[in-house]
């Protein structure tokens, strides 16, 4: 039986790395890595369901945000959280009112408004637990949405009027995911279009 990995595997174990060293290694690498407090972690690849969901959701968001001040980006957009050192590549991130770059690198952005992760069996515990806690340190973040790729399930966390994280959970294809901070919905039937379980 395959071991379920709860978080990314450490890619380089010989010592702790500076942010600058990490960014230099990343420029030369064909594989994406996360960086957290001196450690570098290899990120896993994506399966067919993951890719179908990404295409569906990204396409819908692009259409909904056309001519608006917010722009979506895919998993090639590197993000940094200066508050806790994390560098990572969310599956989809939405930035409003332009991109603000990291102090370390012009290809890395900070202060997203929305982050979407498409969950896979090997990463979902990490995305739901430690990674969500790290994302909570982002002062601009208003929504964190996790989409299951092995079943119909969307956990949509948002900052409510009391400034606390609240959850909207969706388990039926007849439901719609509401982007609270963006002011639009996407039907779960569109999110899971062409996805087979």
C-alpha atoms as a PDB file:
ATOM      1  CA  UNK A   1       0.000   0.000   0.000  1.00  0.00           C
ATOM      2  CA  UNK A   2       1.321   3.438  -0.917  1.00  0.00           C
ATOM      3  CA  UNK A   3       2.170   5.729   1.961  1.00  0.00           C
ATOM      4  CA  UNK A   4       0.014   8.849   2.185  1.00  0.00           C
ATOM      5  CA  UNK A   5       2.247  11.899   2.423  1.00  0.00           C
ATOM      6  CA  UNK A   6       0.856  14.601   4.696  1.00  0.00           C
ATOM      7  CA  UNK A   7       3.135  17.346   3.472  1.00  0.00           C
ATOM      8  CA  UNK A   8       5.791  17.814   0.803  1.00  0.00           C
ATOM      9  CA  UNK A   9       8.980  15.791   1.106  1.00  0.00           C
ATOM     10  CA  UNK A  10      12.188  17.629   1.937  1.00  0.00           C
ATOM     11  CA  UNK A  11      14.129  18.032  -1.304  1.00  0.00           C
ATOM     12  CA  UNK A  12      17.488  19.193   0.047  1.00  0.00           C
ATOM     13  CA  UNK A  13      18.533  17.961   3.479  1.00  0.00           C
ATOM     14  CA  UNK A  14      22.159  18.914   3.826  1.00  0.00           C
ATOM     15  CA  UNK A  15      21.552  22.280   5.529  1.00  0.00           C
ATOM     16  CA  UNK A  16      19.257  25.242   5.835  1.00  0.00           C
ATOM     17  CA  UNK A  17      19.013  27.517   2.819  1.00  0.00           C
ATOM     18  CA  UNK A  18      18.644  31.256   2.579  1.00  0.00           C
ATOM     19  CA  UNK A  19      15.781  32.694   0.556  1.00  0.00           C
ATOM     20  CA  UNK A  20      18.291  33.879  -2.031  1.00  0.00           C
ATOM     21  CA  UNK A  21      19.762  30.359  -2.387  1.00  0.00           C
ATOM     22  CA  UNK A  22      16.284  28.878  -2.740  1.00  0.00           C
ATOM     23  CA  UNK A  23      15.337  31.353  -5.475  1.00  0.00           C
ATOM     24  CA  UNK A  24      18.572  30.655  -7.375  1.00  0.00           C
ATOM     25  CA  UNK A  25      17.938  26.893  -7.205  1.00  0.00           C
ATOM     26  CA  UNK A  26      14.346  27.417  -8.323  1.00  0.00           C
ATOM     27  CA  UNK A  27      15.429  29.304 -11.437  1.00  0.00           C
ATOM     28  CA  UNK A  28      17.525  26.315 -12.522  1.00  0.00           C
ATOM     29  CA  UNK A  29      15.008  23.634 -11.498  1.00  0.00           C
ATOM     30  CA  UNK A  30      12.475  21.872 -13.728  1.00  0.00           C
ATOM     31  CA  UNK A  31      10.460  20.885 -10.631  1.00  0.00           C
ATOM     32  CA  UNK A  32       8.692  23.358  -8.315  1.00  0.00           C
ATOM     33  CA  UNK A  33       9.680  23.559  -4.663  1.00  0.00           C
ATOM     34  CA  UNK A  34       8.257  25.172  -1.571  1.00  0.00           C
ATOM     35  CA  UNK A  35      10.479  27.014   0.866  1.00  0.00           C
ATOM     36  CA  UNK A  36       9.723  27.305   4.580  1.00  0.00           C
ATOM     37  CA  UNK A  37      12.087  28.516   7.313  1.00  0.00           C
ATOM     38  CA  UNK A  38      15.248  27.368   5.553  1.00  0.00           C
ATOM     39  CA  UNK A  39      13.961  24.034   4.264  1.00  0.00           C
ATOM     40  CA  UNK A  40      13.152  23.243   0.633  1.00  0.00           C
ATOM     41  CA  UNK A  41      10.367  20.806  -0.272  1.00  0.00           C
ATOM     42  CA  UNK A  42       9.568  19.174  -3.625  1.00  0.00           C
ATOM     43  CA  UNK A  43       5.980  19.700  -4.779  1.00  0.00           C
ATOM     44  CA  UNK A  44       3.986  16.823  -6.256  1.00  0.00           C
ATOM     45  CA  UNK A  45       2.634  16.659  -9.789  1.00  0.00           C
ATOM     46  CA  UNK A  46      -1.054  16.681 -10.720  1.00  0.00           C
ATOM     47  CA  UNK A  47      -3.363  13.930 -11.997  1.00  0.00           C
ATOM     48  CA  UNK A  48      -6.083  14.114 -14.647  1.00  0.00           C
ATOM     49  CA  UNK A  49      -8.911  15.092 -12.269  1.00  0.00           C
ATOM     50  CA  UNK A  50      -6.752  17.844 -10.800  1.00  0.00           C
ATOM     51  CA  UNK A  51      -6.045  19.218 -14.270  1.00  0.00           C
ATOM     52  CA  UNK A  52      -9.690  19.045 -15.370  1.00  0.00           C
ATOM     53  CA  UNK A  53     -10.806  20.915 -12.255  1.00  0.00           C
ATOM     54  CA  UNK A  54      -8.080  23.508 -12.705  1.00  0.00           C
ATOM     55  CA  UNK A  55      -9.108  24.158 -16.316  1.00  0.00           C
ATOM     56  CA  UNK A  56     -12.789  24.418 -15.390  1.00  0.00           C
ATOM     57  CA  UNK A  57     -12.317  26.734 -12.417  1.00  0.00           C
ATOM     58  CA  UNK A  58      -9.625  28.922 -13.964  1.00  0.00           C
ATOM     59  CA  UNK A  59     -11.671  29.426 -17.124  1.00  0.00           C
ATOM     60  CA  UNK A  60     -14.774  30.389 -15.140  1.00  0.00           C
ATOM     61  CA  UNK A  61     -12.835  32.830 -12.948  1.00  0.00           C
ATOM     62  CA  UNK A  62     -11.173  34.472 -15.967  1.00  0.00           C
ATOM     63  CA  UNK A  63     -14.599  35.082 -17.514  1.00  0.00           C
ATOM     64  CA  UNK A  64     -16.113  36.404 -14.269  1.00  0.00           C
ATOM     65  CA  UNK A  65     -13.204  38.799 -13.618  1.00  0.00           C
ATOM     66  CA  UNK A  66     -12.908  40.201 -17.120  1.00  0.00           C
ATOM     67  CA  UNK A  67     -12.723  44.017 -16.948  1.00  0.00           C
ATOM     68  CA  UNK A  68     -12.423  43.877 -13.127  1.00  0.00           C
ATOM     69  CA  UNK A  69      -9.410  44.978 -11.021  1.00  0.00           C
ATOM     70  CA  UNK A  70      -8.725  41.409  -9.851  1.00  0.00           C
ATOM     71  CA  UNK A  71      -6.701  38.879 -11.895  1.00  0.00           C
ATOM     72  CA  UNK A  72      -6.358  35.105 -11.488  1.00  0.00           C
ATOM     73  CA  UNK A  73      -3.064  33.242 -11.855  1.00  0.00           C
ATOM     74  CA  UNK A  74      -2.265  29.541 -12.133  1.00  0.00           C
ATOM     75  CA  UNK A  75       0.275  27.375 -10.372  1.00  0.00           C
ATOM     76  CA  UNK A  76       3.272  28.967 -12.103  1.00  0.00           C
ATOM     77  CA  UNK A  77       2.702  32.127 -10.014  1.00  0.00           C
ATOM     78  CA  UNK A  78       5.033  31.918  -7.017  1.00  0.00           C
ATOM     79  CA  UNK A  79       3.749  33.504  -3.823  1.00  0.00           C
ATOM     80  CA  UNK A  80       5.575  34.520  -0.660  1.00  0.00           C
ATOM     81  CA  UNK A  81       4.241  35.126   2.826  1.00  0.00           C
ATOM     82  CA  UNK A  82       6.810  37.423   4.498  1.00  0.00           C
ATOM     83  CA  UNK A  83       5.089  36.929   7.866  1.00  0.00           C
ATOM     84  CA  UNK A  84       6.199  33.268   8.045  1.00  0.00           C
ATOM     85  CA  UNK A  85       8.759  32.850   5.169  1.00  0.00           C
ATOM     86  CA  UNK A  86       6.671  30.435   3.043  1.00  0.00           C
ATOM     87  CA  UNK A  87       7.270  30.455  -0.712  1.00  0.00           C
ATOM     88  CA  UNK A  88       4.762  28.299  -2.584  1.00  0.00           C
ATOM     89  CA  UNK A  89       2.757  27.915  -5.792  1.00  0.00           C
ATOM     90  CA  UNK A  90      -1.017  27.834  -5.115  1.00  0.00           C
ATOM     91  CA  UNK A  91      -3.080  26.075  -7.781  1.00  0.00           C
ATOM     92  CA  UNK A  92      -5.002  29.316  -8.364  1.00  0.00           C
ATOM     93  CA  UNK A  93      -4.507  32.709  -6.726  1.00  0.00           C
ATOM     94  CA  UNK A  94      -6.405  35.932  -7.301  1.00  0.00           C
ATOM     95  CA  UNK A  95      -4.653  39.270  -6.872  1.00  0.00           C
ATOM     96  CA  UNK A  96      -6.547  42.553  -6.814  1.00  0.00           C
ATOM     97  CA  UNK A  97      -5.304  46.037  -7.810  1.00  0.00           C
ATOM     98  CA  UNK A  98      -2.084  44.842  -9.403  1.00  0.00           C
ATOM     99  CA  UNK A  99       0.775  42.591  -8.360  1.00  0.00           C
ATOM    100  CA  UNK A 100       3.000  43.505  -5.442  1.00  0.00           C
ATOM    101  CA  UNK A 101       6.352  41.765  -5.680  1.00  0.00           C
ATOM    102  CA  UNK A 102       8.349  40.144  -2.924  1.00  0.00           C
ATOM    103  CA  UNK A 103      11.331  42.109  -1.655  1.00  0.00           C
ATOM    104  CA  UNK A 104      13.487  39.143  -2.742  1.00  0.00           C
ATOM    105  CA  UNK A 105      12.299  38.542  -6.274  1.00  0.00           C
ATOM    106  CA  UNK A 106      10.326  40.253  -9.060  1.00  0.00           C
ATOM    107  CA  UNK A 107       8.759  36.929 -10.135  1.00  0.00           C
ATOM    108  CA  UNK A 108       7.265  36.312  -6.684  1.00  0.00           C
ATOM    109  CA  UNK A 109       4.126  38.076  -5.493  1.00  0.00           C
ATOM    110  CA  UNK A 110       2.665  38.814  -2.062  1.00  0.00           C
ATOM    111  CA  UNK A 111      -0.794  39.742  -0.753  1.00  0.00           C
ATOM    112  CA  UNK A 112      -3.311  37.630  -2.708  1.00  0.00           C
ATOM    113  CA  UNK A 113      -7.029  38.063  -2.021  1.00  0.00           C
ATOM    114  CA  UNK A 114      -8.135  34.493  -2.798  1.00  0.00           C
ATOM    115  CA  UNK A 115      -6.241  31.173  -2.831  1.00  0.00           C
ATOM    116  CA  UNK A 116      -7.639  27.960  -4.316  1.00  0.00           C
ATOM    117  CA  UNK A 117      -6.019  24.569  -3.791  1.00  0.00           C
ATOM    118  CA  UNK A 118      -7.180  21.456  -5.652  1.00  0.00           C
ATOM    119  CA  UNK A 119      -6.682  18.602  -3.230  1.00  0.00           C
ATOM    120  CA  UNK A 120      -5.028  15.302  -4.055  1.00  0.00           C
ATOM    121  CA  UNK A 121      -4.709  12.279  -1.734  1.00  0.00           C
ATOM    122  CA  UNK A 122      -1.002  12.984  -1.167  1.00  0.00           C
ATOM    123  CA  UNK A 123      -1.370  16.678  -0.244  1.00  0.00           C
ATOM    124  CA  UNK A 124      -4.835  17.219   1.194  1.00  0.00           C
ATOM    125  CA  UNK A 125      -3.902  16.797   4.873  1.00  0.00           C
ATOM    126  CA  UNK A 126      -1.146  19.378   4.437  1.00  0.00           C
ATOM    127  CA  UNK A 127      -3.402  21.776   2.481  1.00  0.00           C
ATOM    128  CA  UNK A 128      -6.186  21.500   5.082  1.00  0.00           C
ATOM    129  CA  UNK A 129      -3.914  21.746   8.107  1.00  0.00           C
ATOM    130  CA  UNK A 130      -0.453  23.284   8.250  1.00  0.00           C
ATOM    131  CA  UNK A 131      -0.717  25.102   4.916  1.00  0.00           C
ATOM    132  CA  UNK A 132      -4.053  26.702   5.831  1.00  0.00           C
ATOM    133  CA  UNK A 133      -2.518  27.917   9.090  1.00  0.00           C
ATOM    134  CA  UNK A 134       0.355  29.468   7.125  1.00  0.00           C
ATOM    135  CA  UNK A 135      -2.074  31.069   4.670  1.00  0.00           C
ATOM    136  CA  UNK A 136      -3.959  32.647   7.585  1.00  0.00           C
ATOM    137  CA  UNK A 137      -0.899  34.874   8.141  1.00  0.00           C
ATOM    138  CA  UNK A 138      -1.571  36.677   4.819  1.00  0.00           C
ATOM    139  CA  UNK A 139      -3.116  40.036   5.827  1.00  0.00           C
ATOM    140  CA  UNK A 140      -4.898  40.517   2.475  1.00  0.00           C
ATOM    141  CA  UNK A 141      -6.389  36.994   2.233  1.00  0.00           C
ATOM    142  CA  UNK A 142     -10.192  36.966   2.240  1.00  0.00           C
ATOM    143  CA  UNK A 143     -10.934  33.434   0.981  1.00  0.00           C
ATOM    144  CA  UNK A 144      -9.276  30.015   0.964  1.00  0.00           C
ATOM    145  CA  UNK A 145     -11.049  27.414  -1.155  1.00  0.00           C
ATOM    146  CA  UNK A 146     -10.166  23.711  -1.197  1.00  0.00           C
ATOM    147  CA  UNK A 147     -11.608  21.541  -3.977  1.00  0.00           C
ATOM    148  CA  UNK A 148     -11.474  17.746  -3.654  1.00  0.00           C
ATOM    149  CA  UNK A 149     -10.350  15.924  -6.800  1.00  0.00           C
ATOM    150  CA  UNK A 150     -11.478  12.425  -5.757  1.00  0.00           C
ATOM    151  CA  UNK A 151     -15.089  13.286  -4.806  1.00  0.00           C
ATOM    152  CA  UNK A 152     -17.568  16.158  -4.979  1.00  0.00           C
ATOM    153  CA  UNK A 153     -16.576  18.342  -2.028  1.00  0.00           C
ATOM    154  CA  UNK A 154     -15.633  22.013  -1.806  1.00  0.00           C
ATOM    155  CA  UNK A 155     -14.601  23.652   1.473  1.00  0.00           C
ATOM    156  CA  UNK A 156     -14.788  27.425   1.007  1.00  0.00           C
ATOM    157  CA  UNK A 157     -13.409  29.429   3.923  1.00  0.00           C
ATOM    158  CA  UNK A 158     -13.948  33.181   4.016  1.00  0.00           C
ATOM    159  CA  UNK A 159     -13.444  36.066   6.440  1.00  0.00           C
ATOM    160  CA  UNK A 160     -16.836  36.983   7.875  1.00  0.00           C
ATOM    161  CA  UNK A 161     -18.045  40.324   9.248  1.00  0.00           C
ATOM    162  CA  UNK A 162     -16.594  39.461  12.674  1.00  0.00           C
ATOM    163  CA  UNK A 163     -13.159  39.017  11.010  1.00  0.00           C
ATOM    164  CA  UNK A 164     -13.183  35.276  11.695  1.00  0.00           C
ATOM    165  CA  UNK A 165     -12.756  32.392   9.252  1.00  0.00           C
ATOM    166  CA  UNK A 166     -16.131  30.809   8.417  1.00  0.00           C
ATOM    167  CA  UNK A 167     -16.848  27.753   6.257  1.00  0.00           C
ATOM    168  CA  UNK A 168     -19.271  27.171   3.397  1.00  0.00           C
ATOM    169  CA  UNK A 169     -19.166  23.486   2.465  1.00  0.00           C
ATOM    170  CA  UNK A 170     -20.621  22.067  -0.767  1.00  0.00           C
ATOM    171  CA  UNK A 171     -21.192  18.359  -1.499  1.00  0.00           C
ATOM    172  CA  UNK A 172     -23.761  18.349  -4.304  1.00  0.00           C
ATOM    173  CA  UNK A 173     -23.356  19.068  -8.014  1.00  0.00           C
ATOM    174  CA  UNK A 174     -26.595  21.060  -7.836  1.00  0.00           C
ATOM    175  CA  UNK A 175     -24.956  23.615  -5.503  1.00  0.00           C
ATOM    176  CA  UNK A 176     -22.888  26.677  -6.367  1.00  0.00           C
ATOM    177  CA  UNK A 177     -19.622  27.913  -4.883  1.00  0.00           C
ATOM    178  CA  UNK A 178     -19.889  31.552  -3.837  1.00  0.00           C
ATOM    179  CA  UNK A 179     -16.790  33.716  -4.003  1.00  0.00           C
ATOM    180  CA  UNK A 180     -17.822  36.007  -1.152  1.00  0.00           C
ATOM    181  CA  UNK A 181     -15.140  38.661  -1.705  1.00  0.00           C
ATOM    182  CA  UNK A 182     -15.478  38.597  -5.491  1.00  0.00           C
ATOM    183  CA  UNK A 183     -19.278  38.727  -5.770  1.00  0.00           C
ATOM    184  CA  UNK A 184     -19.856  35.788  -8.124  1.00  0.00           C
ATOM    185  CA  UNK A 185     -20.774  32.082  -8.094  1.00  0.00           C
ATOM    186  CA  UNK A 186     -19.515  29.022  -9.952  1.00  0.00           C
ATOM    187  CA  UNK A 187     -21.768  25.962 -10.197  1.00  0.00           C
ATOM    188  CA  UNK A 188     -20.239  22.756  -8.850  1.00  0.00           C
ATOM    189  CA  UNK A 189     -21.441  21.061 -12.048  1.00  0.00           C
ATOM    190  CA  UNK A 190     -19.095  23.432 -13.915  1.00  0.00           C
ATOM    191  CA  UNK A 191     -16.229  22.863 -11.445  1.00  0.00           C
ATOM    192  CA  UNK A 192     -16.497  19.076 -11.904  1.00  0.00           C
ATOM    193  CA  UNK A 193     -17.293  19.111 -15.632  1.00  0.00           C
ATOM    194  CA  UNK A 194     -15.505  16.226 -17.388  1.00  0.00           C
ATOM    195  CA  UNK A 195     -14.195  14.860 -14.055  1.00  0.00           C
ATOM    196  CA  UNK A 196     -14.576  11.103 -13.449  1.00  0.00           C
ATOM    197  CA  UNK A 197     -14.358   9.402 -10.051  1.00  0.00           C
END
